[in-house]
Protein backbone atom coordinates (compact mmCIF):
# COMPACT_ATOMS: atom_id res chain seq x y z
CA UNK A 1 -1.89 1.90 3.26
CA UNK A 2 1.21 3.12 1.34
CA UNK A 3 4.12 0.82 1.24
CA UNK A 4 6.76 2.81 -0.29
CA UNK A 5 6.36 6.52 0.77
CA UNK A 6 9.28 7.39 -0.81
CA UNK A 7 8.35 6.62 -4.19
CA UNK A 8 5.03 7.79 -3.63
CA UNK A 9 6.22 11.36 -2.55
CA UNK A 10 8.59 11.44 -5.62
CA UNK A 11 5.18 10.53 -7.77
CA UNK A 12 3.63 13.59 -6.34
CA UNK A 13 6.40 16.31 -7.13
CA UNK A 14 5.50 14.62 -10.49
CA UNK A 15 1.73 14.48 -10.77
CA UNK A 16 0.60 16.36 -7.82
CA UNK A 17 -2.12 14.92 -5.46
CA UNK A 18 -2.96 11.56 -5.81
CA UNK A 19 -6.24 11.07 -3.78
CA UNK A 20 -8.65 13.56 -2.09
CA UNK A 21 -6.83 12.92 1.04
CA UNK A 22 -4.95 16.43 1.37
CA UNK A 23 -3.75 16.26 4.80
CA UNK A 24 -2.35 12.64 4.60
CA UNK A 25 -0.30 13.37 1.48
CA UNK A 26 0.96 16.80 2.70
CA UNK A 27 2.18 14.98 5.98
CA UNK A 28 3.87 12.36 3.74
CA UNK A 29 5.26 15.09 1.62
CA UNK A 30 6.65 17.01 4.53
CA UNK A 31 8.33 13.96 5.88
CA UNK A 32 9.90 13.64 2.29
CA UNK A 33 11.44 16.94 2.43
CA UNK A 34 12.44 17.07 6.35
CA UNK A 35 14.29 13.61 6.15
CA UNK A 36 15.10 13.40 2.68
CA UNK A 37 15.69 17.06 1.65
CA UNK A 38 17.12 18.21 5.05
CA UNK A 39 14.64 21.04 4.82
CA UNK A 40 13.85 22.93 8.25
CA UNK A 41 10.44 23.53 9.39
CA UNK A 42 10.13 27.18 7.80
CA UNK A 43 11.39 25.65 4.48
CA UNK A 44 9.42 22.78 4.41
CA UNK A 45 6.22 25.08 5.14
CA UNK A 46 7.35 27.06 1.91
CA UNK A 47 7.54 24.15 -0.17
CA UNK A 48 3.81 22.90 0.87
CA UNK A 49 2.79 25.98 -0.10
CA UNK A 50 4.19 26.14 -3.07
CA UNK A 51 2.86 22.50 -4.32
CA UNK A 52 -0.46 23.63 -3.00
CA UNK A 53 -0.60 26.56 -5.46
CA UNK A 54 0.28 24.77 -8.20
CA UNK A 55 -1.81 21.39 -7.58
CA UNK A 56 -4.74 22.13 -5.86
CA UNK A 57 -7.29 24.33 -7.99
CA UNK A 58 -9.28 25.79 -4.87
CA UNK A 59 -6.10 26.83 -2.62
CA UNK A 60 -6.69 29.75 -0.62
CA UNK A 61 -3.40 30.85 1.39
CA UNK A 62 -5.57 31.54 4.31
CA UNK A 63 -7.98 29.07 4.39
CA UNK A 64 -5.49 26.24 3.81
CA UNK A 65 -2.69 27.64 6.25
CA UNK A 66 -4.17 25.12 9.05
CA UNK A 67 -3.63 22.14 6.69
CA UNK A 68 -0.21 23.15 6.14
CA UNK A 69 0.76 23.75 9.79
CA UNK A 70 -0.75 20.37 10.66
CA UNK A 71 1.16 18.64 7.88
CA UNK A 72 4.28 20.46 8.58
CA UNK A 73 4.44 19.97 12.27
CA UNK A 74 3.86 16.04 11.68
CA UNK A 75 6.31 15.87 9.07
CA UNK A 76 9.49 17.34 10.84
CA UNK A 77 8.73 15.54 14.01
CA UNK A 78 11.82 13.12 14.41
CA UNK A 79 9.55 9.88 15.09
CA UNK A 80 7.95 10.33 12.06
CA UNK A 81 9.79 8.79 9.41
CA UNK A 82 9.20 7.36 5.80
CA UNK A 83 7.94 4.25 5.60
CA UNK A 84 9.65 1.91 2.94
CA UNK A 85 8.71 -2.03 3.02
CA UNK A 86 11.34 -3.48 0.64
CA UNK A 87 9.66 -6.85 0.54
CA UNK A 88 7.52 -9.19 2.24
CA UNK A 89 8.74 -13.22 2.94
CA UNK A 90 5.86 -15.58 3.08
CA UNK A 91 6.55 -19.07 3.95
CA UNK A 92 5.26 -22.42 2.98
CA UNK A 93 3.86 -23.29 6.70
CA UNK A 94 1.92 -19.82 6.61
CA UNK A 95 0.40 -21.04 3.21
CA UNK A 96 -0.57 -24.30 3.93
CA UNK A 97 -2.18 -22.86 7.45
CA UNK A 98 -4.56 -20.42 5.07
CA UNK A 99 -5.27 -23.05 2.82
CA UNK A 100 -6.86 -25.59 5.59
CA UNK A 101 -9.62 -22.74 5.77
CA UNK A 102 -11.24 -23.98 2.78
CA UNK A 103 -12.87 -20.75 2.34
CA UNK A 104 -11.71 -18.55 -0.38
CA UNK A 105 -13.14 -15.30 1.25
CA UNK A 106 -11.87 -16.44 4.51
CA UNK A 107 -8.01 -17.20 2.79
CA UNK A 108 -7.80 -13.81 0.96
CA UNK A 109 -8.39 -12.20 4.48
CA UNK A 110 -5.80 -14.41 6.10
CA UNK A 111 -3.17 -13.94 3.42
CA UNK A 112 -3.47 -10.03 3.50
CA UNK A 113 -3.70 -9.66 7.29
CA UNK A 114 -0.43 -11.94 7.23
CA UNK A 115 1.42 -9.54 4.97
CA UNK A 116 -0.21 -6.40 6.69
CA UNK A 117 1.22 -7.94 9.99
CA UNK A 118 4.78 -8.16 8.91
CA UNK A 119 4.97 -4.65 7.52
CA UNK A 120 4.83 -3.73 11.11
CA UNK A 121 7.89 -3.74 11.88
CA UNK A 122 8.95 -1.08 8.93
CA UNK A 123 6.36 1.51 10.60
CA UNK A 124 7.09 4.39 12.97
CA UNK A 125 6.47 3.72 16.50
CA UNK A 126 3.75 6.22 17.57
CA UNK A 127 2.87 7.38 20.99
CA UNK A 128 -0.67 5.32 20.61
CA UNK A 129 1.20 1.62 19.46
CA UNK A 130 2.91 2.17 22.83
CA UNK A 131 0.07 2.92 24.85
CA UNK A 132 -1.68 -0.31 23.44
CA UNK A 133 1.42 -2.20 23.77
CA UNK A 134 1.20 -3.69 20.39
CA UNK A 135 4.94 -3.12 19.45
CA UNK A 136 5.91 -6.38 19.29
CA UNK A 137 4.27 -9.28 17.91
CA UNK A 138 2.13 -9.48 14.22
CA UNK A 139 -1.18 -7.33 14.29
CA UNK A 140 -3.44 -5.87 11.91
CA UNK A 141 -4.66 -2.12 13.44
CA UNK A 142 -8.49 -1.86 13.24
CA UNK A 143 -9.80 1.48 11.81
CA UNK A 144 -12.51 -1.01 10.88
CA UNK A 145 -9.82 -3.29 9.07
CA UNK A 146 -10.35 -1.00 5.97
CA UNK A 147 -6.96 -2.05 4.35
CA UNK A 148 -7.38 -5.67 5.05
CA UNK A 149 -10.63 -5.74 3.22
CA UNK A 150 -9.62 -3.40 0.12
CA UNK A 151 -6.35 -5.35 -0.62
CA UNK A 152 -8.22 -8.64 0.07
CA UNK A 153 -10.68 -7.25 -2.97
CA UNK A 154 -13.69 -8.28 -0.63
CA UNK A 155 -16.55 -5.62 -0.88
CA UNK A 156 -19.22 -5.58 2.36
CA UNK A 157 -21.02 -3.49 4.83
CA UNK A 158 -19.92 -3.08 8.13
CA UNK A 159 -22.09 -5.95 9.53
CA UNK A 160 -20.62 -8.32 7.09
CA UNK A 161 -17.11 -6.82 8.00
CA UNK A 162 -17.82 -8.10 11.58
CA UNK A 163 -18.86 -11.72 10.81
CA UNK A 164 -15.74 -12.08 8.68
CA UNK A 165 -13.54 -10.89 11.81
CA UNK A 166 -15.57 -12.99 13.79
CA UNK A 167 -14.86 -16.14 11.45
CA UNK A 168 -11.47 -15.42 11.32
CA UNK A 169 -10.95 -15.41 15.08
CA UNK A 170 -12.90 -18.72 15.43
CA UNK A 171 -10.12 -20.33 13.34
CA UNK A 172 -7.52 -19.55 15.83
CA UNK A 173 -5.32 -18.55 13.42
CA UNK A 174 -6.34 -15.15 14.90
CA UNK A 175 -6.86 -13.25 18.31
CA UNK A 176 -8.81 -9.81 18.68
CA UNK A 177 -7.12 -7.90 21.38
CA UNK A 178 -8.67 -5.80 24.01
CA UNK A 179 -7.56 -2.92 21.58
CA UNK A 180 -9.36 -4.39 18.53
CA UNK A 181 -6.56 -5.25 16.65
CA UNK A 182 -6.21 -8.43 14.77
CA UNK A 183 -3.39 -10.56 16.25
CA UNK A 184 -2.08 -13.20 13.66
CA UNK A 185 -1.01 -16.25 15.23
CA UNK A 186 0.63 -18.13 12.52
CA UNK A 187 3.72 -16.52 11.59
CA UNK A 188 6.59 -18.33 10.29
CA UNK A 189 10.13 -16.82 11.35
CA UNK A 190 12.38 -19.66 11.11
CA UNK A 191 12.05 -21.54 7.77
CA UNK A 192 13.08 -20.28 3.98
CA UNK A 193 10.25 -18.29 2.03
CA UNK A 194 7.95 -20.22 -0.33
CA UNK A 195 8.01 -16.81 -2.35
CA UNK A 196 8.68 -12.69 -1.45
CA UNK A 197 6.26 -9.96 -2.20
CA UNK A 198 8.00 -7.31 -4.25
CA UNK A 199 5.38 -5.34 -5.60
CA UNK A 200 2.45 -4.07 -3.47
CA UNK A 201 -0.44 -3.27 -6.10
CA UNK A 202 -2.13 -6.46 -6.08
CA UNK A 203 -1.41 -8.14 -3.14
CA UNK A 204 -3.88 -10.98 -3.37
CA UNK A 205 -2.78 -11.92 -6.91
CA UNK A 206 0.40 -13.68 -5.32
CA UNK A 207 -1.94 -16.19 -3.10
CA UNK A 208 -4.42 -16.70 -5.95
CA UNK A 209 -1.14 -17.86 -8.34
CA UNK A 210 -0.45 -20.14 -5.27
CA UNK A 211 -3.66 -21.97 -5.09
CA UNK A 212 -3.99 -22.09 -9.11
CA UNK A 213 -5.04 -19.18 -10.48
CA UNK A 214 -3.47 -18.30 -14.01
CA UNK A 215 -1.57 -15.14 -13.02
CA UNK A 216 1.61 -14.09 -14.97
CA UNK A 217 4.40 -10.88 -14.60
CA UNK A 218 4.72 -8.35 -16.41
CA UNK A 219 7.39 -8.25 -19.26
CA UNK A 220 8.52 -4.35 -18.61
CA UNK A 221 8.04 -4.09 -15.00
CA UNK A 222 7.42 -7.55 -13.43
CA UNK A 223 4.21 -6.91 -11.58
CA UNK A 224 1.67 -9.56 -11.50
CA UNK A 225 -1.71 -9.63 -13.19
CA UNK A 226 -4.78 -11.85 -14.30
CA UNK A 227 -4.36 -12.05 -18.00
CA UNK A 228 -7.28 -11.51 -20.13
CA UNK A 229 -5.66 -13.98 -23.08
CA UNK A 230 -2.37 -15.95 -23.51
CA UNK A 231 -0.96 -12.84 -25.46
CA UNK A 232 -1.17 -10.74 -22.35
CA UNK A 233 2.23 -9.88 -21.66
CA UNK A 234 2.08 -6.33 -19.89
CA UNK A 235 0.19 -5.17 -17.10
CA UNK A 236 -2.75 -2.45 -17.57
CA UNK A 237 -0.10 0.68 -16.88
CA UNK A 238 2.70 -0.96 -18.86
CA UNK A 239 0.17 -1.40 -21.63
CA UNK A 240 -1.33 1.68 -21.78
CA UNK A 241 2.60 3.20 -22.14
CA UNK A 242 3.35 0.83 -24.43
CA UNK A 243 0.11 1.48 -26.68
CA UNK A 244 0.90 5.44 -26.36
CA UNK A 245 4.54 4.92 -27.83
CA UNK A 246 3.29 2.55 -30.72
CA UNK A 247 0.72 5.18 -31.74
CA UNK A 248 3.51 7.89 -31.11
CA UNK A 249 5.79 5.75 -33.81
CA UNK A 250 3.05 5.14 -36.28
CA UNK A 251 2.27 8.87 -36.49
CA UNK A 252 5.96 9.60 -37.16
CA UNK A 253 6.37 6.85 -39.57
CA UNK A 254 3.06 7.61 -41.55
CA UNK A 255 4.56 11.62 -41.56
CA UNK A 256 7.87 10.76 -42.99
CA UNK A 257 6.23 8.43 -45.41
CA UNK A 258 3.78 10.94 -46.83
CA UNK A 259 6.07 14.05 -46.47
């Protein structure tokens, strides 16, 4: 799941394809060109062709035409807007209900399910969602619940996933609907937030911090991470960038000192 498709599209324009899901990313890029840049169908098609020529090594104008046409058709539809989730509030009552499970795996899954269900109001309403009548309320769509387990950091097979879902439904915090969506029953829409989710890279870290794990925030970008020692002040991405800059600065100093 992509929580900010605008940022994702802008990153694609700088770096190229970020995953091997070419159709998904081209659809997103088509929405960007149509909704943000205001391009019409033919112009969006030209832009996607140029993007594929630049970033797709095996690109063939004939073989990949259908892929581009599908992406353009999807991207220019009025209902398909860019998804931008600004923040997700998490309430104390919700956290207390999760803690009562007294099972870390179920707690992790419940916390992620809560967050994913709250993003629904930012999602475009598709015909499928209308048909399934799950527009209102808090749900986590099935699709084998891939996002749910990925963000919770739980690796398991299909049979184990089914067992976890059954266990969640037995807690009465969740229901499994006839459309195989997980309905969240403990959402608090009244009280003030205990904290707010603003960064969506490592969602489970916020819960781990709440239950007492050592979680810190990057001094550069503000993202949360688990430090390896007390001097660890930057997240992995910012540390790589800082390390790169330090090497360049040291190289310049060495050059000037020995010139």
